[in-house]
Protein backbone atom coordinates (compact mmCIF):
# COMPACT_ATOMS: atom_id res chain seq x y z
CA MET A 1 0.68 -20.11 56.46
CA LYS A 2 4.08 -21.56 55.34
CA ASN A 3 1.96 -23.86 52.90
CA HIS A 4 0.13 -20.65 51.35
CA LEU A 5 3.76 -19.11 50.78
CA ALA A 6 5.31 -22.38 49.51
CA VAL A 7 2.33 -22.41 46.75
CA ILE A 8 3.35 -18.91 45.70
CA ALA A 9 6.99 -19.85 45.11
CA ILE A 10 5.86 -22.67 42.75
CA ILE A 11 3.52 -20.50 40.70
CA LEU A 12 6.35 -17.73 40.23
CA CYS A 13 8.79 -20.47 39.09
CA PHE A 14 6.42 -21.66 36.26
CA SER A 15 5.26 -18.41 34.90
CA SER A 16 6.32 -16.08 31.70
CA THR A 17 5.71 -12.44 31.01
CA ILE A 18 3.99 -12.48 27.71
CA TYR A 19 0.59 -11.28 29.06
CA SER A 20 1.45 -8.09 30.95
CA GLN A 21 0.83 -4.45 31.24
CA THR A 22 2.87 -1.96 28.79
CA GLU A 23 3.09 1.86 28.04
CA ASP A 24 0.46 0.76 24.92
CA ASN A 25 -1.59 -1.09 26.95
CA PRO A 26 -1.50 0.35 30.41
CA TRP A 27 -4.89 -0.75 32.30
CA LEU A 28 -5.76 -3.95 33.68
CA ILE A 29 -8.92 -4.75 35.32
CA GLY A 30 -9.74 -7.72 37.11
CA VAL A 31 -13.32 -9.54 38.22
CA GLY A 32 -13.01 -12.66 40.43
CA PHE A 33 -13.81 -14.87 43.52
CA ASN A 34 -12.01 -14.52 46.85
CA SER A 35 -11.60 -16.66 49.90
CA VAL A 36 -10.29 -15.43 53.22
CA ASN A 37 -8.34 -17.45 55.91
CA ALA A 38 -8.42 -15.06 58.91
CA GLU A 39 -6.27 -16.06 62.17
CA GLY A 40 -8.52 -18.03 64.69
CA SER A 41 -11.28 -18.65 61.77
CA GLU A 42 -11.94 -21.36 59.31
CA THR A 43 -11.34 -20.66 55.62
CA THR A 44 -14.09 -19.02 53.92
CA ASN A 45 -15.88 -20.25 50.79
CA TYR A 46 -15.12 -18.39 47.48
CA ARG A 47 -17.48 -15.40 47.13
CA LEU A 48 -17.87 -12.56 44.73
CA PRO A 49 -16.65 -9.86 44.34
CA SER A 50 -13.08 -9.72 44.26
CA LEU A 51 -11.98 -6.37 41.95
CA SER A 52 -8.89 -4.92 40.95
CA LEU A 53 -7.56 -2.09 38.50
CA SER A 54 -3.91 -1.07 37.95
CA ARG A 55 -2.25 1.21 35.49
CA TYR A 56 1.33 0.70 34.20
CA ILE A 57 3.93 3.45 35.13
CA PHE A 58 7.36 2.46 33.81
CA GLU A 59 9.67 -0.63 33.55
CA ASN A 60 6.92 -3.45 34.64
CA PHE A 61 5.72 -1.45 37.54
CA SER A 62 2.26 -0.36 37.91
CA VAL A 63 -0.10 1.15 40.76
CA GLY A 64 -3.67 0.53 41.50
CA LEU A 65 -6.56 -0.82 43.76
CA ASN A 66 -7.77 -4.00 45.24
CA TYR A 67 -11.25 -4.56 46.63
CA SER A 68 -12.69 -7.73 48.27
CA GLU A 69 -15.97 -8.62 50.27
CA ASN A 70 -16.76 -11.98 51.91
CA ASP A 71 -18.36 -13.47 55.31
CA ILE A 72 -16.04 -14.91 57.78
CA VAL A 73 -16.65 -16.88 61.23
CA VAL A 74 -14.22 -15.96 64.17
CA SER A 75 -14.85 -17.61 67.27
CA ASN A 76 -18.36 -18.78 66.20
CA GLU A 77 -19.12 -15.16 65.37
CA GLU A 78 -20.32 -14.47 62.03
CA LEU A 79 -18.70 -11.10 60.44
CA TYR A 80 -19.02 -9.12 57.33
CA TYR A 81 -15.57 -8.32 55.84
CA TYR A 82 -14.30 -6.18 53.29
CA SER A 83 -10.98 -4.37 52.38
CA ILE A 84 -9.48 -1.84 50.17
CA ASP A 85 -5.86 -1.61 49.51
CA GLY A 86 -3.72 0.92 47.36
CA ILE A 87 -0.91 -1.31 45.70
CA VAL A 88 2.56 -0.64 43.82
CA LYS A 89 2.72 -4.04 41.67
CA TYR A 90 5.96 -5.48 39.69
CA ASN A 91 5.45 -7.75 36.81
CA ILE A 92 8.29 -10.41 36.88
CA PRO A 93 10.29 -11.04 33.25
CA ASN A 94 10.74 -14.68 32.43
CA ASP A 95 10.36 -16.56 29.22
CA SER A 96 8.77 -20.08 30.68
CA LYS A 97 5.36 -21.44 30.05
CA VAL A 98 2.77 -23.38 32.29
CA LEU A 99 1.46 -26.54 30.10
CA GLY A 100 2.09 -24.65 26.97
CA VAL A 101 0.11 -21.59 28.15
CA ASP A 102 1.65 -18.04 28.14
CA ALA A 103 1.55 -16.44 31.82
CA ASP A 104 2.52 -13.15 33.36
CA PRO A 105 3.67 -13.55 36.92
CA TYR A 106 3.68 -10.78 39.42
CA VAL A 107 4.30 -9.46 42.87
CA TYR A 108 2.70 -6.23 44.61
CA ALA A 109 3.01 -4.58 48.12
CA GLY A 110 0.16 -2.19 49.40
CA TYR A 111 -1.61 -0.52 52.46
CA GLY A 112 -5.14 -0.11 52.96
CA ILE A 113 -8.01 -0.67 55.36
CA SER A 114 -9.72 -3.78 56.10
CA ASN A 115 -13.29 -4.16 58.07
CA TYR A 116 -14.79 -6.88 60.06
CA GLY A 117 -18.10 -6.11 61.77
CA GLU A 118 -21.66 -7.25 62.38
CA GLY A 119 -23.27 -4.10 62.45
CA ASP A 120 -21.35 -0.98 61.82
CA VAL A 121 -19.07 -1.65 58.57
CA SER A 122 -18.77 2.21 57.62
CA LEU A 123 -15.48 3.56 56.96
CA GLY A 124 -13.99 5.10 60.30
CA SER A 125 -15.85 2.70 62.46
CA LEU A 126 -14.67 0.94 65.19
CA ASN A 127 -14.61 -2.27 63.00
CA THR A 128 -12.02 -0.34 60.81
CA SER A 129 -8.39 -1.40 60.67
CA TYR A 130 -5.47 -0.20 58.65
CA GLY A 131 -2.14 -2.48 57.62
CA PRO A 132 0.08 -3.48 55.13
CA SER A 133 -0.57 -6.08 52.54
CA PHE A 134 1.88 -8.15 50.18
CA GLY A 135 0.89 -10.70 47.27
CA ALA A 136 1.58 -12.48 44.16
CA GLY A 137 -0.11 -14.19 41.39
CA VAL A 138 -0.27 -15.29 37.78
CA ASN A 139 -2.08 -14.18 34.61
CA PHE A 140 -2.78 -17.06 32.26
CA GLN A 141 -3.35 -15.25 29.07
CA LEU A 142 -6.60 -16.44 27.04
CA SER A 143 -6.41 -14.06 24.25
CA LYS A 144 -4.31 -10.81 23.38
CA ASN A 145 -6.44 -8.93 26.09
CA ILE A 146 -7.95 -11.48 28.38
CA ALA A 147 -6.23 -13.93 30.94
CA LEU A 148 -7.28 -15.83 33.94
CA ASN A 149 -6.13 -14.88 37.04
CA THR A 150 -5.06 -16.71 40.23
CA GLY A 151 -3.39 -14.98 43.25
CA VAL A 152 -2.55 -15.11 47.08
CA SER A 153 -2.11 -12.12 49.42
CA TYR A 154 -1.52 -11.82 53.04
CA LYS A 155 -2.81 -8.70 55.10
CA SER A 156 -0.81 -7.86 58.32
CA LEU A 157 -3.24 -6.31 61.25
CA ASP A 158 -2.90 -5.80 64.77
CA GLU A 159 -5.24 -3.77 65.74
CA LYS A 160 -8.50 -4.35 68.23
CA ASN A 161 -11.24 -5.99 66.41
CA ALA A 162 -9.04 -6.85 63.13
CA TYR A 163 -7.48 -10.26 61.99
CA SER A 164 -4.19 -10.66 59.79
CA ASN A 165 -5.67 -12.93 57.23
CA LEU A 166 -4.52 -14.79 53.96
CA GLN A 167 -6.59 -14.34 51.00
CA HIS A 168 -7.02 -16.29 47.53
CA VAL A 169 -8.18 -14.94 44.38
CA VAL A 170 -9.50 -16.68 41.03
CA GLY A 171 -10.96 -14.65 38.50
CA ILE A 172 -10.78 -12.94 34.83
CA LYS A 173 -8.48 -9.95 34.07
CA PHE A 174 -9.00 -7.78 31.09
CA ASN A 175 -5.82 -5.80 29.68
CA PHE A 176 -6.34 -2.57 27.30
CA GLY A 177 -5.06 0.78 26.45
CA LYS A 178 -4.15 2.25 23.01
CA GLY A 179 -4.33 -0.84 21.13
CA ASP A 180 -2.09 -3.24 19.15
CA SER A 181 -4.30 -5.08 16.70
CA ASP A 182 -1.55 -7.27 15.41
CA GLY A 183 0.14 -7.87 19.05
CA ASP A 184 3.97 -6.78 17.45
CA SER A 185 4.43 -4.17 20.34
CA VAL A 186 4.00 -1.45 17.95
CA PRO A 187 0.18 0.57 18.81
CA ASP A 188 -1.85 0.71 16.41
CA LYS A 189 -1.62 4.80 16.00
CA LYS A 190 2.08 4.38 15.31
CA ASP A 191 1.90 0.82 13.22
CA HIS A 192 2.04 1.48 9.34
CA CYS A 193 0.86 -2.08 9.28
CA PRO A 194 -1.66 -2.57 12.10
CA ASP A 195 -3.03 -5.78 10.52
CA LEU A 196 0.34 -7.61 10.47
CA PRO A 197 2.75 -8.50 12.88
CA GLY A 198 6.22 -6.68 12.00
CA LEU A 199 9.31 -5.04 13.56
CA ILE A 200 9.66 -1.93 15.86
CA GLU A 201 12.37 -0.65 13.57
CA LEU A 202 9.89 -0.87 10.50
CA ASN A 203 7.24 0.90 12.10
CA GLY A 204 5.35 -2.41 12.96
CA CYS A 205 5.66 -3.87 9.27
CA PRO A 206 6.85 -7.15 8.34
CA ASP A 207 10.25 -7.73 6.77
CA SER A 208 9.66 -11.75 5.60
CA ASP A 209 13.28 -11.90 4.19
CA ALA A 210 14.89 -9.93 6.99
CA ASP A 211 16.81 -7.63 4.56
CA GLY A 212 15.89 -4.33 6.28
CA ILE A 213 13.00 -3.50 3.50
CA LYS A 214 9.45 -3.87 4.85
CA ASP A 215 7.38 -6.30 2.80
CA GLU A 216 5.20 -3.83 1.26
CA ASP A 217 8.05 -1.94 -0.44
CA ASP A 218 10.21 -5.03 -0.99
CA LYS A 219 9.81 -6.38 -4.90
CA CYS A 220 11.24 -9.64 -3.39
CA PRO A 221 9.68 -9.98 -0.12
CA ASN A 222 10.66 -13.77 0.54
CA THR A 223 14.06 -13.49 -0.69
CA ALA A 224 16.91 -11.25 1.02
CA GLY A 225 17.93 -8.47 -1.25
CA LEU A 226 19.62 -4.92 -1.83
CA ILE A 227 17.95 -1.67 -1.15
CA SER A 228 19.43 -0.25 -4.38
CA MET A 229 17.57 -3.26 -6.10
CA SER A 230 14.31 -2.53 -4.22
CA GLY A 231 14.60 -5.82 -2.26
CA CYS A 232 15.85 -8.08 -4.80
CA PRO A 233 19.13 -10.01 -5.21
CA ASP A 234 21.82 -9.63 -7.84
CA SER A 235 23.24 -12.97 -7.68
CA ASP A 236 25.92 -12.17 -10.25
CA GLY A 237 26.63 -8.68 -9.37
CA ASP A 238 26.20 -7.02 -12.72
CA GLY A 239 23.86 -4.24 -11.62
CA PHE A 240 21.00 -6.12 -13.02
CA SER A 241 18.33 -7.57 -10.27
CA ASP A 242 17.55 -11.25 -10.59
CA PRO A 243 14.36 -10.78 -11.78
CA ASN A 244 15.33 -8.45 -14.22
CA ASP A 245 18.30 -10.56 -15.48
CA PRO A 246 17.68 -13.03 -18.24
CA CYS A 247 21.39 -14.66 -16.94
CA PRO A 248 20.99 -14.33 -13.13
CA LYS A 249 23.70 -16.69 -12.47
CA MET A 250 26.57 -15.08 -15.16
CA ALA A 251 27.78 -11.65 -15.03
CA GLY A 252 26.97 -9.55 -17.97
CA ILE A 253 29.41 -6.94 -19.60
CA ASP A 254 29.39 -3.58 -21.09
CA ARG A 255 26.09 -2.79 -19.35
CA LYS A 256 24.18 -5.66 -20.52
CA PRO A 257 22.87 -8.17 -18.12
CA CYS A 258 24.24 -11.48 -20.02
CA PRO A 259 27.84 -11.91 -21.21
CA ASP A 260 28.96 -12.31 -24.76
CA SER A 261 32.44 -13.69 -24.58
CA ASP A 262 33.15 -13.62 -28.20
CA GLY A 263 31.52 -10.29 -29.03
CA ASP A 264 29.10 -11.33 -31.99
CA GLY A 265 26.00 -10.06 -30.53
CA ILE A 266 24.72 -12.87 -29.39
CA THR A 267 24.95 -13.76 -25.22
CA ASP A 268 26.87 -16.58 -24.35
CA GLU A 269 23.35 -18.16 -22.76
CA PHE A 270 21.99 -18.54 -26.64
CA ASP A 271 25.26 -18.80 -28.38
CA SER A 272 26.10 -22.30 -29.51
CA CYS A 273 29.82 -21.15 -30.02
CA PRO A 274 30.46 -18.82 -27.31
CA ASN A 275 33.96 -18.16 -27.87
CA ASP A 276 33.87 -18.08 -31.82
CA ILE A 277 32.40 -15.17 -33.67
CA GLY A 278 29.49 -16.40 -35.66
CA SER A 279 26.25 -15.65 -37.23
CA LYS A 280 23.09 -15.46 -35.46
CA SER A 281 21.25 -17.45 -38.18
CA ASN A 282 23.83 -20.05 -37.46
CA GLY A 283 23.19 -19.97 -33.77
CA GLY A 284 26.52 -18.05 -32.92
CA CYS A 285 28.69 -20.49 -34.77
CA LYS A 286 30.65 -19.86 -37.79
CA LEU A 287 29.19 -20.35 -41.29
CA PRO A 288 30.81 -23.27 -43.30
CA ASP A 289 33.81 -22.30 -45.48
CA LEU A 290 35.05 -24.79 -47.70
CA ASP A 291 37.95 -22.77 -49.11
CA ASN A 292 38.82 -21.46 -45.62
CA ASP A 293 39.41 -17.79 -47.00
CA GLY A 294 37.21 -15.90 -44.43
CA VAL A 295 34.00 -15.72 -46.59
CA PRO A 296 31.55 -18.22 -45.68
CA ASN A 297 29.83 -20.36 -48.38
CA THR A 298 26.47 -18.93 -48.29
CA ILE A 299 28.11 -15.61 -50.05
CA ASP A 300 31.40 -17.16 -51.40
CA MET A 301 31.17 -16.84 -55.18
CA CYS A 302 34.22 -19.13 -55.26
CA PRO A 303 33.57 -21.48 -52.50
CA ASN A 304 36.16 -24.04 -53.51
CA GLU A 305 38.82 -21.42 -54.48
CA LEU A 306 41.00 -19.24 -51.71
CA GLY A 307 39.96 -15.72 -52.34
CA SER A 308 39.29 -12.42 -50.63
CA GLU A 309 36.48 -10.58 -49.33
CA LYS A 310 36.60 -7.64 -51.79
CA PHE A 311 36.18 -10.17 -54.61
CA SER A 312 33.20 -12.13 -52.73
CA GLY A 313 35.51 -15.05 -51.92
CA CYS A 314 36.95 -15.27 -55.13
CA PRO A 315 40.84 -15.00 -56.24
CA ASP A 316 42.11 -11.61 -56.97
CA LEU A 317 41.96 -9.79 -60.33
CA PRO A 318 42.69 -12.46 -63.24
CA GLU A 319 45.56 -11.82 -65.56
CA SER A 320 43.24 -11.88 -68.49
CA ILE A 321 40.79 -9.04 -66.94
CA SER A 322 43.76 -7.12 -65.75
CA TYR A 323 45.53 -7.36 -69.20
CA TYR A 324 42.59 -6.13 -70.93
CA LEU A 325 41.79 -3.53 -68.71
CA LYS A 326 45.23 -1.99 -69.10
CA ASN A 327 45.43 -2.47 -72.88
CA TYR A 328 41.76 -1.88 -73.90
CA GLY A 329 40.17 -0.04 -71.02
CA GLU A 330 39.92 3.05 -72.60
CA ILE A 331 37.14 3.76 -75.27
CA PHE A 332 37.50 6.84 -77.35
CA PHE A 333 35.00 8.53 -79.13
CA GLU A 334 34.30 11.08 -81.99
CA PHE A 335 33.74 14.84 -81.18
CA ASP A 336 29.87 15.11 -80.07
CA SER A 337 29.42 11.45 -80.59
CA TYR A 338 28.52 8.50 -78.42
CA LYS A 339 28.71 5.93 -81.36
CA LEU A 340 30.50 2.66 -81.11
CA ASN A 341 32.79 1.67 -84.14
CA SER A 342 32.88 -2.43 -85.17
CA GLN A 343 36.04 -2.58 -83.77
CA GLN A 344 34.88 -1.20 -80.55
CA GLU A 345 32.29 -3.55 -80.27
CA LEU A 346 34.12 -6.46 -81.16
CA SER A 347 36.57 -5.49 -78.40
CA LEU A 348 33.65 -5.26 -76.00
CA SER A 349 32.26 -8.75 -76.91
CA ASN A 350 35.82 -10.06 -75.94
CA LEU A 351 35.41 -8.37 -72.75
CA SER A 352 31.85 -9.83 -72.20
CA LYS A 353 33.42 -13.44 -72.56
CA LEU A 354 35.92 -12.83 -69.94
CA LEU A 355 33.12 -11.52 -67.67
CA LYS A 356 31.33 -14.55 -68.16
CA ARG A 357 34.16 -16.63 -67.37
CA TYR A 358 34.77 -14.63 -64.27
CA ASN A 359 31.25 -13.94 -62.94
CA TYR A 360 32.60 -12.20 -59.78
CA ILE A 361 34.11 -9.31 -61.37
CA ASN A 362 32.06 -6.15 -61.61
CA LEU A 363 32.84 -2.97 -63.69
CA HIS A 364 32.57 0.76 -63.47
CA ILE A 365 32.03 2.41 -66.58
CA ASP A 366 32.87 6.12 -66.43
CA GLY A 367 31.94 8.27 -69.08
CA HIS A 368 34.06 11.76 -69.67
CA SER A 369 33.77 14.34 -72.32
CA SER A 370 36.39 17.21 -73.59
CA ASN A 371 35.95 20.68 -72.79
CA GLU A 372 34.48 22.25 -76.15
CA GLY A 373 30.70 23.50 -75.72
CA ASP A 374 28.62 23.80 -72.44
CA SER A 375 29.27 21.59 -69.46
CA ASP A 376 25.71 20.71 -68.72
CA TYR A 377 25.69 19.24 -72.32
CA ASN A 378 29.12 17.62 -71.82
CA LEU A 379 27.62 15.88 -68.70
CA PHE A 380 24.80 14.51 -70.69
CA LEU A 381 27.13 13.33 -73.50
CA SER A 382 29.39 11.65 -71.16
CA ASN A 383 26.48 9.75 -69.62
CA LYS A 384 25.19 8.63 -73.26
CA ARG A 385 28.59 7.47 -73.76
CA SER A 386 28.70 5.33 -70.50
CA SER A 387 25.33 3.78 -71.16
CA LYS A 388 26.27 2.84 -74.62
CA VAL A 389 28.95 0.70 -73.53
CA LYS A 390 26.67 -0.80 -70.93
CA GLU A 391 24.30 -1.37 -73.32
CA LYS A 392 26.60 -3.36 -75.55
CA LEU A 393 27.75 -5.70 -72.78
CA ILE A 394 24.08 -6.18 -71.68
CA LEU A 395 23.41 -7.25 -75.29
CA ASP A 396 26.26 -9.65 -74.90
CA GLY A 397 24.70 -11.53 -71.77
CA ILE A 398 25.99 -9.49 -69.03
CA ARG A 399 23.81 -9.01 -66.03
CA ASP A 400 22.88 -5.30 -65.45
CA GLU A 401 23.71 -5.49 -61.80
CA ARG A 402 27.27 -6.39 -62.57
CA LEU A 403 27.64 -3.10 -64.46
CA GLU A 404 27.66 0.36 -62.68
CA THR A 405 27.70 3.43 -64.82
CA ARG A 406 29.07 6.96 -63.71
CA SER A 407 29.31 10.27 -65.38
CA PHE A 408 31.73 13.17 -65.24
CA GLY A 409 31.49 15.25 -68.17
CA GLU A 410 34.32 17.64 -68.50
CA ASP A 411 35.52 17.81 -65.02
CA ASN A 412 38.16 14.92 -65.02
CA PRO A 413 40.19 15.31 -67.82
CA ASP A 414 43.42 12.71 -68.06
CA TYR A 415 44.96 14.67 -71.17
CA ALA A 416 45.51 18.13 -71.87
CA ASN A 417 43.01 20.12 -73.55
CA ASN A 418 45.69 21.55 -76.09
CA PRO A 419 46.91 20.52 -78.77
CA ILE A 420 43.65 19.24 -80.19
CA SER A 421 45.18 15.78 -80.55
CA GLU A 422 45.29 15.56 -76.83
CA ARG A 423 42.11 17.09 -76.22
CA ARG A 424 40.23 14.49 -78.35
CA LYS A 425 41.62 11.74 -75.93
CA ASN A 426 39.03 13.03 -73.09
CA ARG A 427 36.38 11.99 -75.01
CA ARG A 428 36.46 8.74 -73.67
CA VAL A 429 34.91 5.73 -71.45
CA ILE A 430 37.05 4.40 -68.81
CA LEU A 431 36.61 0.59 -67.86
CA SER A 432 37.63 -0.58 -63.98
CA VAL A 433 36.77 -3.09 -61.62
CA ASN A 434 34.17 -2.27 -58.94
CA ARG A 435 35.49 -3.73 -55.81
CA ASN A 436 32.44 -2.48 -54.03
CA PRO A 437 29.58 -3.71 -55.64
């Protein structure tokens, strides 16, 4: 008897709790062979059947029934034996394995009947005895719902025609219940991902990157991220998730995913000169500017002379142009006329020579009239006067695009309309520099 108890102790020390009854899989059925060693008898051979049925109750406890049949020999007398016991079982928690196989140890205590007899073996016969039983065993898991079982139990009987005995059982047990297809301890009925092992807190769904977002809702399931970014990371913290950020390692500015340090509209990633304002056509770098006047050579009409942007990179108004406009910039016409006299034509020819020399100077040609007659006609007349001056300059070789005509009619007189000597001065064309061509 002591040897049998030692075997039980060794089995319990090398077992685990992987295969066990739970609230979701509460039922366990066992079928196997049994061997009985009664007091005063030899150990019997292993025989069928040994049956068991138990149901999980709470906290690793379950209740059930054990039934066994066998033939034994006591004092040279062959007896038929069977027993039925009601039991309370406890699955022992631990995390070890036996030869790499998950196992589930248990102990139990019960009370039931045993019957030894040759003839009458019915319940209530003289051969029926009652007594307690104690046992232990291990279920070795073969699959999620099937396990090999080995166990041993002791039944104490002190009635007449009864024999205390030690019983060994070897068999198979089947665990079933509500079902847990993926084995993640979340029953299929509650499992939102029944075919994928997952987490209880995510209703049985997996979270591969452990960021608290289940994989099916995680746009970056293999990289831990933020809930606000649908599970994707924002490495540079600029409010754009890495998959949507062309510069995931550089924080953007002004609600843009990439930085633009010089503010030239070209992000640093693509800007060859990220700290200098430059042209997109030149890779974000400044265009060449030989005279260093702030106007790049490509649009500088005077690339070798320091100038200003208002004159396309050329120097300010030349003295000769300034002198001409100051002294000859007003061209006066006769009453109701837009004809130029020979002296005026000569003066305009001289202007043409200056404009050819300074080809970055553009002109406004503004036509005016006095207030006699109809205002619409006066507007028409002022237009004819400015057009006539432009025609003369074009005839002298000045490009059309350098000359802009404007007509004001009688609306902008520079002189009084009385007396007549002053009024006639309003019949004029005024020449001025166009600084915004």
